[in-house]
Amino acid sequence: MSLPYTVLVPAISAEHKLAALCDQIEAVFDRANRSVNCWNPQSEISVLNAMPACKAVAIAPELVRLLDIVDELFLLSE
């Protein structure tokens, strides 16, 4: 999604631990890019948005959870 970001973490003593942490952070952003990046035409949400209305489709459990949260917030915020 091409946004700069900063992640603050406690001091890490070993370089390999820092590298592993950076890999984990990048993996989270990669999953988000594949799932909910509206600018990525291959992302799951873009494909879902391009589908005809009222067509049943299987989506990833992570996206189901996110959409459930969105529905709940929609109801709570009226």
Protein backbone atom coordinates (compact mmCIF):
# COMPACT_ATOMS: atom_id res chain seq x y z
CA MET A 1 0.00 0.00 0.00
CA SER A 2 3.15 2.08 -0.27
CA LEU A 3 2.89 3.85 3.06
CA PRO A 4 5.95 4.44 5.18
CA TYR A 5 5.75 2.95 8.65
CA THR A 6 7.74 2.75 11.83
CA VAL A 7 7.65 -0.13 14.29
CA LEU A 8 8.99 0.51 17.76
CA VAL A 9 10.34 -2.54 19.58
CA PRO A 10 12.31 -3.01 22.77
CA ALA A 11 16.06 -3.35 22.41
CA ILE A 12 17.02 -6.64 20.83
CA SER A 13 20.41 -8.02 21.75
CA ALA A 14 20.96 -10.46 18.89
CA GLU A 15 21.04 -9.47 15.23
CA HIS A 16 19.35 -12.72 14.15
CA LYS A 17 16.41 -11.94 16.45
CA LEU A 18 16.03 -8.52 14.85
CA ALA A 19 16.14 -10.05 11.38
CA ALA A 20 13.48 -12.61 12.37
CA LEU A 21 11.28 -9.85 13.79
CA CYS A 22 11.64 -7.81 10.59
CA ASP A 23 10.66 -10.89 8.57
CA GLN A 24 7.55 -11.35 10.73
CA ILE A 25 6.53 -7.71 10.30
CA GLU A 26 6.99 -7.90 6.54
CA ALA A 27 4.92 -11.11 6.47
CA VAL A 28 2.02 -9.27 8.14
CA PHE A 29 2.16 -6.51 5.53
CA ASP A 30 2.42 -9.09 2.73
CA ARG A 31 -0.73 -10.83 4.02
CA ALA A 32 -2.55 -7.50 4.20
CA ASN A 33 -1.48 -6.70 0.64
CA ARG A 34 -2.80 -10.03 -0.63
CA SER A 35 -6.01 -9.74 1.37
CA VAL A 36 -7.29 -6.17 1.83
CA ASN A 37 -5.27 -3.86 -0.41
CA CYS A 38 -7.87 -2.15 -2.61
CA TRP A 39 -5.07 -0.86 -4.86
CA ASN A 40 -3.95 -4.44 -5.58
CA PRO A 41 -6.32 -5.84 -8.23
CA GLN A 42 -5.34 -9.38 -7.22
CA SER A 43 -6.08 -8.88 -3.52
CA GLU A 44 -8.91 -10.89 -2.09
CA ILE A 45 -11.01 -7.81 -1.34
CA SER A 46 -10.52 -6.44 -4.88
CA VAL A 47 -11.58 -9.75 -6.41
CA LEU A 48 -14.56 -9.89 -4.04
CA ASN A 49 -15.59 -6.32 -4.91
CA ALA A 50 -15.43 -7.12 -8.63
CA MET A 51 -17.80 -10.09 -8.32
CA PRO A 52 -21.50 -9.85 -9.10
CA ALA A 53 -23.77 -9.07 -6.15
CA CYS A 54 -25.39 -11.94 -4.25
CA LYS A 55 -22.92 -14.54 -5.51
CA ALA A 56 -21.69 -16.90 -2.81
CA VAL A 57 -17.93 -17.15 -2.59
CA ALA A 58 -15.50 -18.67 -0.11
CA ILE A 59 -13.10 -16.19 1.52
CA ALA A 60 -10.17 -16.60 3.85
CA PRO A 61 -10.92 -16.90 7.58
CA GLU A 62 -8.87 -13.76 8.31
CA LEU A 63 -11.06 -11.74 5.92
CA VAL A 64 -14.22 -13.24 7.43
CA ARG A 65 -13.07 -12.07 10.89
CA LEU A 66 -12.25 -8.60 9.57
CA LEU A 67 -15.65 -8.25 7.86
CA ASP A 68 -17.38 -9.46 11.04
CA ILE A 69 -15.61 -6.70 12.98
CA VAL A 70 -16.59 -4.15 10.32
CA ASP A 71 -20.23 -5.27 10.58
CA GLU A 72 -20.15 -4.98 14.36
CA LEU A 73 -18.62 -1.50 14.23
CA PHE A 74 -21.20 -0.44 11.64
CA LEU A 75 -24.01 -1.54 13.95
CA LEU A 76 -22.46 0.02 17.04
CA SER A 77 -21.83 3.35 15.36
CA GLU A 78 -25.23 3.50 13.66
